[in-house]
C-alpha cells in the first residue's frame, strides 16, 4: 500500500560510519521533503534500525522513539576508553582473563529496573550544556553524572570469544549500551568498552524490514522509493482505534471534544482516531475528570 511521502515513516538500515543526521540529510536531499527527522539517534559506529519521520509524521517522533529497543552489542573486555566505545581514547588496559561464567553471573543485577549513569560523551544536558561539550572542554571530571532509571527486560550473551563477546539487550528507550559495557567492565575489574552495536528492533520496526541505504538510493533513481514508506499510525498500535463518523471527524478537525463512553476506550491513555473514510486523522486524549470525553491532542491534515 502506498502512503503519502508527506505523512509517513521510513525504516533505514543505517550503515557503519554514518551519523543519524547524515542519513536525514541524504533522505531530505533525495526526496526534496523539507521536514524530516530521525526518531532515536544511532552513533556512527552503530548500525541497524533508524526510523525517519517524514512531513507531518515528525509530530509522531515521541511515539516512535518511545518503544522498547533490542540491540546486539559487541563488548571488548580489558580496554576502557573515554567515550565508553571504540571511538574514544584508551585510558586503561588489563590483561586479566575473564570467563563467560563470570560475566553471566553479573547479568542478573543489570536486568529489570535499574539506575544507569549516562556516558560523559552524550547529548544529555546538564547546566544548559550537553555533556559531550563539557567533556570536550576538558571539564568532564568536574561533572557528577546523575543516574537515570532505565529498564532492561532481557540480557543474554549470544557469542563468546574472549576478550570480546556479544550481548543481546532488550531495553527501555534511553538506555545507554555504552554505559552497560562500561559498568560490566568496572565490576569485573578489567574495564570494557562497546566495540560494535546493531539496533535490531525499535518496537514494531525491525532490521529485517529495514531498507539498505544504497538500495533505497537506487530506488530513488528508479522512482520506486515510496514502496518503502510505512503508515504513520504504525507507531501507535498499542493504543485502541476508534472510527469516527463524518460529524465526529469534522468536530475533531475543529478541536471539539467527543463523547466516547465505551468502557474499553475509557481505560486507554490515548486513542487513534480515523475519519469516516478510514484514514488516520488524530490522536485523542481523555479530558481530565470527565469520563468518556476525549479531546484532540494532535490532528493531521490529509
Protein backbone atom coordinates (compact mmCIF):
# COMPACT_ATOMS: atom_id res chain seq x y z
CA UNK A 1 0.00 0.00 0.00
CA UNK A 2 1.35 3.43 -0.94
CA UNK A 3 1.49 6.16 1.68
CA UNK A 4 1.87 9.89 1.25
CA UNK A 5 5.55 10.84 1.46
CA UNK A 6 4.46 13.93 3.39
CA UNK A 7 2.98 11.80 6.17
CA UNK A 8 4.89 8.54 6.55
CA UNK A 9 7.66 6.65 8.32
CA UNK A 10 10.80 5.20 6.76
CA UNK A 11 12.90 2.42 8.32
CA UNK A 12 16.50 2.76 7.11
CA UNK A 13 19.21 0.22 7.96
CA UNK A 14 21.89 2.72 8.95
CA UNK A 15 25.33 1.73 7.69
CA UNK A 16 28.56 1.91 9.68
CA UNK A 17 30.33 5.25 9.84
CA UNK A 18 27.36 7.50 9.13
CA UNK A 19 25.69 9.76 11.68
CA UNK A 20 21.92 9.81 12.05
CA UNK A 21 21.98 13.42 10.80
CA UNK A 22 23.87 12.28 7.69
CA UNK A 23 21.03 9.90 6.84
CA UNK A 24 18.39 12.59 7.40
CA UNK A 25 20.32 14.95 5.12
CA UNK A 26 20.55 12.33 2.37
CA UNK A 27 16.83 11.50 2.51
CA UNK A 28 15.88 15.17 2.61
CA UNK A 29 18.06 15.91 -0.41
CA UNK A 30 16.92 12.90 -2.43
CA UNK A 31 13.20 13.29 -1.72
CA UNK A 32 13.10 17.09 -1.51
CA UNK A 33 10.88 16.77 1.54
CA UNK A 34 11.83 19.68 3.79
CA UNK A 35 10.55 18.33 7.08
CA UNK A 36 12.30 15.08 8.04
CA UNK A 37 13.55 13.95 11.43
CA UNK A 38 15.01 10.81 12.93
CA UNK A 39 13.47 9.10 15.94
CA UNK A 40 16.32 7.81 18.07
CA UNK A 41 19.98 8.60 17.40
CA UNK A 42 22.50 5.93 16.43
CA UNK A 43 26.21 6.70 16.85
CA UNK A 44 28.45 6.43 13.74
CA UNK A 45 29.79 3.06 14.99
CA UNK A 46 26.25 1.67 15.29
CA UNK A 47 24.17 0.12 12.52
CA UNK A 48 20.58 -1.01 12.13
CA UNK A 49 17.10 0.41 12.58
CA UNK A 50 16.98 4.18 12.15
CA UNK A 51 13.41 5.43 11.99
CA UNK A 52 12.77 8.56 9.95
CA UNK A 53 9.61 10.64 10.24
CA UNK A 54 8.58 12.39 7.04
CA UNK A 55 6.44 15.51 6.80
CA UNK A 56 3.61 15.59 9.32
CA UNK A 57 4.89 12.34 10.83
CA UNK A 58 7.60 14.37 12.60
CA UNK A 59 4.82 15.16 15.08
CA UNK A 60 4.81 11.48 15.99
CA UNK A 61 8.53 11.20 16.74
CA UNK A 62 7.99 10.94 20.52
CA UNK A 63 5.82 7.85 20.00
CA UNK A 64 8.24 6.28 17.51
CA UNK A 65 11.10 6.82 19.97
CA UNK A 66 9.05 5.63 22.92
CA UNK A 67 9.16 1.94 22.03
CA UNK A 68 11.47 -0.59 23.73
CA UNK A 69 14.63 -1.38 21.78
CA UNK A 70 16.59 -4.55 21.02
CA UNK A 71 20.34 -4.34 20.39
CA UNK A 72 23.14 -6.72 19.61
CA UNK A 73 26.26 -5.32 21.25
CA UNK A 74 29.87 -6.36 20.92
CA UNK A 75 31.76 -5.76 24.17
CA UNK A 76 35.56 -5.71 24.35
CA UNK A 77 36.96 -6.60 27.77
CA UNK A 78 40.28 -5.30 29.07
CA UNK A 79 40.22 -1.85 27.44
CA UNK A 80 38.49 1.22 28.88
CA UNK A 81 38.01 4.37 26.78
CA UNK A 82 36.97 7.96 27.37
CA UNK A 83 33.75 7.57 25.38
CA UNK A 84 32.98 4.00 26.53
CA UNK A 85 33.21 2.91 22.87
CA UNK A 86 35.86 2.25 20.21
CA UNK A 87 35.96 5.91 19.12
CA UNK A 88 37.43 7.13 22.40
CA UNK A 89 40.97 7.35 23.69
CA UNK A 90 42.22 4.37 25.69
CA UNK A 91 42.50 5.27 29.37
CA UNK A 92 43.19 1.86 30.94
CA UNK A 93 44.08 -1.69 29.88
CA UNK A 94 44.06 -5.03 31.72
CA UNK A 95 45.03 -8.49 30.52
CA UNK A 96 43.35 -10.50 33.27
CA UNK A 97 41.46 -13.44 31.72
CA UNK A 98 37.68 -13.41 32.26
CA UNK A 99 35.38 -16.37 31.73
CA UNK A 100 31.93 -16.40 30.21
CA UNK A 101 30.61 -17.73 33.53
CA UNK A 102 31.98 -14.68 35.36
CA UNK A 103 30.12 -12.32 33.04
CA UNK A 104 26.90 -14.34 33.12
CA UNK A 105 26.98 -14.27 36.91
CA UNK A 106 26.80 -10.46 36.77
CA UNK A 107 23.96 -10.14 34.27
CA UNK A 108 21.07 -10.61 36.74
CA UNK A 109 21.97 -7.37 38.54
CA UNK A 110 21.51 -5.49 35.26
CA UNK A 111 18.11 -6.96 34.40
CA UNK A 112 14.90 -5.22 35.41
CA UNK A 113 14.55 -1.65 36.67
CA UNK A 114 17.99 -0.17 37.30
CA UNK A 115 19.69 3.20 37.68
CA UNK A 116 22.22 3.94 34.95
CA UNK A 117 24.70 6.81 34.73
CA UNK A 118 24.98 8.16 31.16
CA UNK A 119 28.38 8.44 29.45
CA UNK A 120 30.10 11.79 29.80
CA UNK A 121 30.25 11.85 25.98
CA UNK A 122 26.49 12.03 25.44
CA UNK A 123 23.93 14.62 24.35
CA UNK A 124 22.22 14.81 27.74
CA UNK A 125 22.19 18.38 29.03
CA UNK A 126 23.48 19.46 32.42
CA UNK A 127 23.54 23.10 33.43
CA UNK A 128 22.33 24.06 29.96
CA UNK A 129 25.24 22.34 28.20
CA UNK A 130 25.42 18.95 26.54
CA UNK A 131 27.68 16.57 28.41
CA UNK A 132 29.92 15.94 25.41
CA UNK A 133 30.51 19.71 25.11
CA UNK A 134 31.61 19.82 28.74
CA UNK A 135 33.88 16.82 28.19
CA UNK A 136 35.49 18.36 25.10
CA UNK A 137 36.25 21.49 27.11
CA UNK A 138 38.27 19.32 29.47
CA UNK A 139 35.82 19.73 32.34
CA UNK A 140 34.41 16.18 32.31
CA UNK A 141 35.97 15.25 35.63
CA UNK A 142 34.04 18.06 37.37
CA UNK A 143 30.65 16.72 36.27
CA UNK A 144 28.66 14.43 38.51
CA UNK A 145 26.74 12.03 36.28
CA UNK A 146 23.25 11.61 37.69
CA UNK A 147 21.96 8.02 37.30
CA UNK A 148 18.65 7.72 35.44
CA UNK A 149 16.06 4.96 35.72
CA UNK A 150 16.02 2.53 32.79
CA UNK A 151 14.64 -0.97 32.32
CA UNK A 152 16.46 -3.93 30.82
CA UNK A 153 13.86 -6.57 30.03
CA UNK A 154 16.31 -9.21 28.84
CA UNK A 155 20.09 -9.50 28.68
CA UNK A 156 21.87 -12.54 27.25
CA UNK A 157 25.31 -13.46 25.92
CA UNK A 158 24.87 -14.74 22.36
CA UNK A 159 28.52 -15.38 21.40
CA UNK A 160 31.75 -15.60 23.40
CA UNK A 161 35.28 -15.16 22.03
CA UNK A 162 37.40 -13.65 24.81
CA UNK A 163 38.32 -10.82 25.04
CA UNK A 164 35.14 -9.97 23.13
CA UNK A 165 31.57 -11.18 23.45
CA UNK A 166 28.19 -10.27 22.04
CA UNK A 167 25.17 -9.34 24.11
CA UNK A 168 21.52 -9.21 23.12
CA UNK A 169 19.89 -6.37 25.04
CA UNK A 170 16.13 -5.74 25.20
CA UNK A 171 15.70 -2.42 26.98
CA UNK A 172 13.64 0.70 27.50
CA UNK A 173 14.28 3.83 25.42
CA UNK A 174 17.03 5.97 26.89
CA UNK A 175 19.24 3.03 27.86
CA UNK A 176 22.91 3.57 27.03
CA UNK A 177 24.53 0.36 25.83
CA UNK A 178 27.92 2.08 26.13
CA UNK A 179 27.27 2.57 29.84
CA UNK A 180 26.22 -1.06 30.17
CA UNK A 181 29.53 -2.20 28.66
CA UNK A 182 31.47 0.24 30.85
CA UNK A 183 29.68 -0.84 34.04
CA UNK A 184 30.25 -4.53 33.30
CA UNK A 185 33.96 -3.88 32.82
CA UNK A 186 34.21 -1.88 36.03
CA UNK A 187 32.54 -4.57 38.12
CA UNK A 188 34.77 -7.23 36.58
CA UNK A 189 37.79 -5.09 37.43
CA UNK A 190 39.28 -5.20 33.92
CA UNK A 191 37.43 -2.42 32.13
CA UNK A 192 35.46 -2.75 28.91
CA UNK A 193 34.10 -0.73 26.04
CA UNK A 194 31.47 -1.07 23.34
CA UNK A 195 33.23 -2.31 20.21
CA UNK A 196 30.16 -2.55 17.98
CA UNK A 197 26.40 -2.08 18.11
CA UNK A 198 23.43 -3.02 15.95
CA UNK A 199 19.85 -1.98 16.68
CA UNK A 200 17.74 -4.91 15.55
CA UNK A 201 14.36 -3.59 16.68
CA UNK A 202 12.61 -0.46 17.87
CA UNK A 203 9.13 -1.53 18.86
CA UNK A 204 7.42 -2.96 15.76
CA UNK A 205 10.21 -1.74 13.47
CA UNK A 206 12.92 -4.34 12.85
CA UNK A 207 16.20 -4.64 10.98
CA UNK A 208 14.67 -7.48 8.95
CA UNK A 209 12.24 -4.99 7.41
CA UNK A 210 14.66 -2.05 7.22
CA UNK A 211 15.83 -0.97 3.79
CA UNK A 212 19.54 -0.82 2.98
CA UNK A 213 20.60 2.78 2.32
CA UNK A 214 22.18 2.10 -1.07
CA UNK A 215 19.18 0.01 -2.15
CA UNK A 216 16.93 2.89 -1.13
CA UNK A 217 19.05 5.38 -3.09
CA UNK A 218 18.79 3.14 -6.14
CA UNK A 219 15.01 3.10 -5.71
CA UNK A 220 15.11 6.92 -5.79
CA UNK A 221 16.81 6.75 -9.19
CA UNK A 222 14.19 4.27 -10.39
CA UNK A 223 11.29 6.26 -8.96
CA UNK A 224 10.13 3.37 -6.75
CA UNK A 225 11.25 4.61 -3.34
CA UNK A 226 7.75 5.15 -2.00
CA UNK A 227 7.29 1.37 -1.76
CA UNK A 228 9.37 1.55 1.44
CA UNK A 229 7.13 4.07 3.20
CA UNK A 230 5.32 2.87 6.32
CA UNK A 231 1.99 4.14 7.67
CA UNK A 232 2.45 6.74 10.42
CA UNK A 233 -0.07 5.09 12.75
CA UNK A 234 2.18 2.00 12.87
CA UNK A 235 3.92 3.79 15.74
CA UNK A 236 0.69 3.90 17.75
CA UNK A 237 -0.56 0.33 17.56
CA UNK A 238 -0.59 -0.07 21.35
CA UNK A 239 -3.39 2.49 21.57
CA UNK A 240 -7.01 1.49 20.79
CA UNK A 241 -8.52 2.52 17.47
CA UNK A 242 -11.76 4.47 17.20
CA UNK A 243 -13.57 5.07 13.91
CA UNK A 244 -15.42 8.36 13.66
CA UNK A 245 -18.41 9.28 11.58
CA UNK A 246 -18.48 12.37 9.40
CA UNK A 247 -19.73 14.76 12.09
CA UNK A 248 -17.26 13.45 14.66
CA UNK A 249 -14.41 13.78 12.17
CA UNK A 250 -15.40 17.37 11.48
CA UNK A 251 -15.59 18.09 15.21
CA UNK A 252 -12.09 16.71 15.79
CA UNK A 253 -10.70 18.80 12.93
CA UNK A 254 -12.22 21.85 14.64
CA UNK A 255 -10.69 20.93 18.00
CA UNK A 256 -14.00 19.92 19.61
CA UNK A 257 -14.08 17.16 22.23
CA UNK A 258 -16.08 13.97 21.69
CA UNK A 259 -18.21 11.85 23.95
CA UNK A 260 -16.91 8.25 23.66
CA UNK A 261 -18.29 6.33 26.59
CA UNK A 262 -17.30 2.75 25.78
CA UNK A 263 -15.64 1.08 28.75
CA UNK A 264 -12.63 -0.07 26.72
CA UNK A 265 -11.93 3.41 25.46
CA UNK A 266 -12.24 4.94 28.93
CA UNK A 267 -9.42 2.70 30.13
CA UNK A 268 -6.98 3.89 27.46
CA UNK A 269 -4.40 6.66 27.78
CA UNK A 270 -4.72 7.72 24.15
CA UNK A 271 -6.80 6.77 21.12
CA UNK A 272 -6.03 6.51 17.41
CA UNK A 273 -8.89 8.26 15.62
CA UNK A 274 -9.80 7.57 11.98
CA UNK A 275 -12.17 9.57 9.81
CA UNK A 276 -15.24 8.22 8.07
CA UNK A 277 -13.06 7.20 5.11
CA UNK A 278 -10.78 5.09 7.30
CA UNK A 279 -7.82 7.48 7.20
CA UNK A 280 -5.74 8.19 10.29
CA UNK A 281 -6.96 11.57 11.50
CA UNK A 282 -5.86 12.32 15.05
CA UNK A 283 -4.63 11.28 18.46
CA UNK A 284 -7.21 11.80 21.17
CA UNK A 285 -6.62 12.16 24.90
CA UNK A 286 -9.16 11.97 27.74
CA UNK A 287 -10.46 15.14 29.30
CA UNK A 288 -9.36 15.29 32.92
CA UNK A 289 -12.06 14.15 35.36
CA UNK A 290 -14.65 13.83 32.60
CA UNK A 291 -15.15 10.13 31.97
CA UNK A 292 -15.85 9.25 28.37
CA UNK A 293 -14.92 12.64 26.95
CA UNK A 294 -11.96 12.93 24.63
CA UNK A 295 -10.23 15.92 23.10
CA UNK A 296 -7.92 16.13 20.08
CA UNK A 297 -4.29 16.04 21.12
CA UNK A 298 -2.83 16.05 17.60
CA UNK A 299 -4.80 16.42 14.37
CA UNK A 300 -3.28 15.61 10.99
CA UNK A 301 -4.33 17.38 7.81
CA UNK A 302 -4.97 14.99 4.95
